Amino acid sequence: MKLIIIGTDHRLQHSIVQTGQRDGKSIYVTRNGRRYRKLIAHCIEKLGAKAILEETHPNQNKLAPTLASITAKQRGLVWQTLGLDGEGVANPGLSDVLLDVSPVEAARQGIKPEFLAGIYDMDKHRIREQYMYTTIMGALAKHDCVLAVVGFVHLGVLARMVEAERIPVTGFLFTYPLVVDEAKS
């Protein structure tokens, strides 16, 4: 039994990206996500993932499938959301899903990057991480190797929780660079 966990920026999970608006309606284009798909394939082919759990909004696949859910479907693997059903405090909101412009698109449009700063809400994330942990442990009871894709702030917490159960964990951080050269911004 083992867990593979990818901590990422939620924008990298999605198969479409908002590129702007026309006549008050959002314009979306398909996102290739070649490097991210390559990491998912590596986790399946080389590390043996048999199921994919992903921190997404519970209705994510109705809105737009993620790259991991598309890959799971193509390969006949189990895919399951790690987002809570309902509108509880632990549920990732739609603002975590499709509304951010990618850094590449921001650069193309001349938008200055915003610095990452904010409060890590301990109570909110404790609920979310406990739910994710319980769901991951349930999946590990059914599959000998599970891939979990979560927001990067959850990577260390979940890895340590699962390791405490003496289950091997392989972790990957896959996100945009978080260090910004202030002289260039």
Protein backbone atom coordinates (compact mmCIF):
# COMPACT_ATOMS: atom_id res chain seq x y z
CA MET A 1 0.00 0.00 0.00
CA LYS A 2 1.34 3.47 -0.88
CA LEU A 3 0.24 7.04 -1.53
CA ILE A 4 1.49 9.36 -4.24
CA ILE A 5 0.53 12.95 -3.59
CA ILE A 6 0.84 15.95 -5.88
CA GLY A 7 0.57 19.41 -4.34
CA THR A 8 -0.34 21.91 -7.04
CA ASP A 9 -1.90 25.23 -7.93
CA HIS A 10 -5.54 24.39 -8.70
CA ARG A 11 -5.35 26.27 -12.00
CA LEU A 12 -2.95 23.64 -13.33
CA GLN A 13 -5.50 20.88 -12.83
CA HIS A 14 -8.00 22.18 -15.36
CA SER A 15 -8.58 21.23 -18.96
CA ILE A 16 -9.80 24.70 -19.92
CA VAL A 17 -8.67 28.21 -19.07
CA GLN A 18 -10.54 31.50 -19.17
CA THR A 19 -8.85 33.82 -21.66
CA GLY A 20 -11.12 36.82 -21.43
CA GLN A 21 -14.68 38.00 -22.00
CA ARG A 22 -16.77 38.98 -24.99
CA ASP A 23 -20.24 40.46 -24.76
CA GLY A 24 -20.28 39.79 -21.01
CA LYS A 25 -19.57 36.07 -21.44
CA SER A 26 -16.38 34.28 -20.48
CA ILE A 27 -14.22 32.85 -23.23
CA TYR A 28 -12.52 29.52 -22.50
CA VAL A 29 -9.93 27.60 -24.47
CA THR A 30 -8.66 24.07 -24.07
CA ARG A 31 -5.55 23.80 -21.93
CA ASN A 32 -3.01 21.19 -23.01
CA GLY A 33 -1.13 20.94 -19.72
CA ARG A 34 1.53 18.72 -21.31
CA ARG A 35 3.92 18.73 -18.33
CA TYR A 36 1.16 18.12 -15.82
CA ARG A 37 -0.25 15.26 -17.92
CA LYS A 38 3.27 13.83 -18.10
CA LEU A 39 3.50 13.84 -14.28
CA ILE A 40 0.10 12.12 -13.97
CA ALA A 41 1.21 9.48 -16.53
CA HIS A 42 4.47 8.95 -14.60
CA CYS A 43 2.49 8.37 -11.39
CA ILE A 44 0.36 5.75 -13.14
CA GLU A 45 2.94 4.02 -15.35
CA LYS A 46 6.08 4.16 -13.19
CA LEU A 47 4.75 4.46 -9.64
CA GLY A 48 1.68 2.23 -10.05
CA ALA A 49 -1.29 4.48 -9.20
CA LYS A 50 -4.56 2.55 -9.52
CA ALA A 51 -6.95 5.33 -8.46
CA ILE A 52 -6.88 9.13 -8.60
CA LEU A 53 -8.38 11.33 -5.91
CA GLU A 54 -8.45 15.04 -6.61
CA GLU A 55 -9.24 18.13 -4.60
CA THR A 56 -11.86 19.75 -6.78
CA HIS A 57 -15.30 21.20 -6.42
CA PRO A 58 -17.74 18.24 -6.15
CA ASN A 59 -19.41 19.33 -9.41
CA GLN A 60 -16.12 19.92 -11.23
CA ASN A 61 -16.63 17.30 -13.92
CA LYS A 62 -20.02 18.78 -14.77
CA LEU A 63 -18.36 22.18 -15.30
CA ALA A 64 -15.18 21.00 -17.05
CA PRO A 65 -13.27 17.76 -16.43
CA THR A 66 -9.81 18.10 -14.96
CA LEU A 67 -6.74 16.77 -16.75
CA ALA A 68 -6.39 14.02 -14.12
CA SER A 69 -10.05 12.96 -14.44
CA ILE A 70 -9.70 12.80 -18.22
CA THR A 71 -6.56 10.67 -17.84
CA ALA A 72 -8.28 8.38 -15.33
CA LYS A 73 -11.23 7.87 -17.68
CA GLN A 74 -8.93 7.17 -20.65
CA ARG A 75 -7.00 4.56 -18.65
CA GLY A 76 -9.98 2.96 -16.93
CA LEU A 77 -8.92 4.09 -13.45
CA VAL A 78 -11.13 5.14 -10.57
CA TRP A 79 -11.38 8.94 -10.18
CA GLN A 80 -12.98 10.61 -7.17
CA THR A 81 -13.23 14.16 -5.90
CA LEU A 82 -11.72 15.10 -2.56
CA GLY A 83 -14.11 18.08 -2.29
CA LEU A 84 -16.91 17.89 0.23
CA ASP A 85 -20.47 17.72 -1.05
CA GLY A 86 -22.72 20.63 -0.18
CA GLU A 87 -21.87 24.20 0.62
CA GLY A 88 -19.90 23.64 3.84
CA VAL A 89 -16.88 25.60 4.96
CA ALA A 90 -14.58 22.82 3.73
CA ASN A 91 -15.89 22.81 0.19
CA PRO A 92 -13.56 24.32 -2.45
CA GLY A 93 -15.46 27.19 -4.02
CA LEU A 94 -15.93 27.89 -7.69
CA SER A 95 -13.31 30.62 -7.34
CA ASP A 96 -10.80 27.77 -6.84
CA VAL A 97 -11.91 26.23 -10.09
CA LEU A 98 -12.11 28.19 -13.32
CA LEU A 99 -11.93 31.89 -12.71
CA ASP A 100 -8.21 32.69 -12.49
CA VAL A 101 -6.25 33.75 -15.55
CA SER A 102 -3.07 31.69 -15.92
CA PRO A 103 0.30 33.44 -15.40
CA VAL A 104 1.13 32.93 -19.09
CA GLU A 105 -2.11 34.61 -20.14
CA ALA A 106 -1.59 37.36 -17.56
CA ALA A 107 1.85 38.07 -19.03
CA ARG A 108 0.37 38.11 -22.55
CA GLN A 109 -2.24 40.64 -21.42
CA GLY A 110 0.34 42.73 -19.55
CA ILE A 111 -1.18 42.04 -16.14
CA LYS A 112 1.33 42.49 -13.30
CA PRO A 113 1.53 39.33 -11.14
CA GLU A 114 0.10 39.51 -7.65
CA PHE A 115 2.20 38.36 -4.75
CA LEU A 116 1.04 35.31 -2.87
CA ALA A 117 0.00 36.40 0.60
CA GLY A 118 -2.89 35.46 2.78
CA ILE A 119 -4.04 33.81 5.95
CA TYR A 120 -4.02 30.03 6.19
CA ASP A 121 -7.35 29.48 7.94
CA MET A 122 -6.46 26.69 10.38
CA ASP A 123 -10.05 25.72 11.20
CA LYS A 124 -11.21 25.64 7.59
CA HIS A 125 -8.20 23.69 6.36
CA ARG A 126 -8.24 21.28 9.30
CA ILE A 127 -11.77 20.24 8.31
CA ARG A 128 -10.82 19.93 4.64
CA GLU A 129 -7.62 17.99 5.39
CA GLN A 130 -9.36 15.60 7.78
CA TYR A 131 -11.98 14.89 5.12
CA MET A 132 -9.26 14.37 2.48
CA TYR A 133 -7.29 12.10 4.83
CA THR A 134 -10.36 9.95 5.58
CA THR A 135 -11.18 9.68 1.86
CA ILE A 136 -7.56 8.81 0.98
CA MET A 137 -7.43 6.11 3.67
CA GLY A 138 -10.70 4.65 2.35
CA ALA A 139 -9.25 4.54 -1.17
CA LEU A 140 -6.04 2.92 0.10
CA ALA A 141 -8.16 0.17 1.67
CA LYS A 142 -9.48 -0.63 -1.83
CA HIS A 143 -6.41 0.09 -4.01
CA ASP A 144 -2.78 -0.71 -3.26
CA CYS A 145 -1.55 2.57 -4.76
CA VAL A 146 -3.48 5.85 -4.82
CA LEU A 147 -2.61 9.19 -6.40
CA ALA A 148 -4.03 12.22 -4.57
CA VAL A 149 -3.92 15.66 -6.20
CA VAL A 150 -4.39 18.51 -3.73
CA GLY A 151 -3.68 22.20 -3.38
CA PHE A 152 -0.01 22.70 -2.53
CA VAL A 153 -0.81 23.99 0.98
CA HIS A 154 -2.17 20.52 1.88
CA LEU A 155 0.75 18.44 0.59
CA GLY A 156 2.87 18.32 3.76
CA VAL A 157 -0.04 17.98 6.15
CA LEU A 158 -1.59 15.02 4.32
CA ALA A 159 1.76 13.34 3.66
CA ARG A 160 2.58 13.42 7.37
CA MET A 161 -0.88 12.17 8.37
CA VAL A 162 -0.58 9.17 6.05
CA GLU A 163 3.07 8.49 6.99
CA ALA A 164 1.96 8.36 10.64
CA GLU A 165 0.00 5.25 9.62
CA ARG A 166 3.30 3.74 8.35
CA ILE A 167 2.16 3.98 4.75
CA PRO A 168 4.87 5.03 2.28
CA VAL A 169 4.28 8.43 0.66
CA THR A 170 5.87 9.91 -2.46
CA GLY A 171 5.24 13.64 -2.78
CA PHE A 172 5.55 16.01 -5.72
CA LEU A 173 5.20 19.78 -5.71
CA PHE A 174 3.96 20.93 -9.13
CA THR A 175 3.12 24.61 -9.26
CA TYR A 176 4.11 27.95 -10.68
CA PRO A 177 7.27 29.49 -9.23
CA LEU A 178 6.33 31.24 -6.02
CA VAL A 179 9.42 33.42 -5.91
CA VAL A 180 9.04 36.62 -7.88
CA ASP A 181 11.99 38.83 -8.83
CA GLU A 182 10.71 42.14 -7.51
CA ALA A 183 13.14 44.04 -9.75
CA LYS A 184 11.30 42.70 -12.80
CA SER A 185 7.74 43.09 -11.55
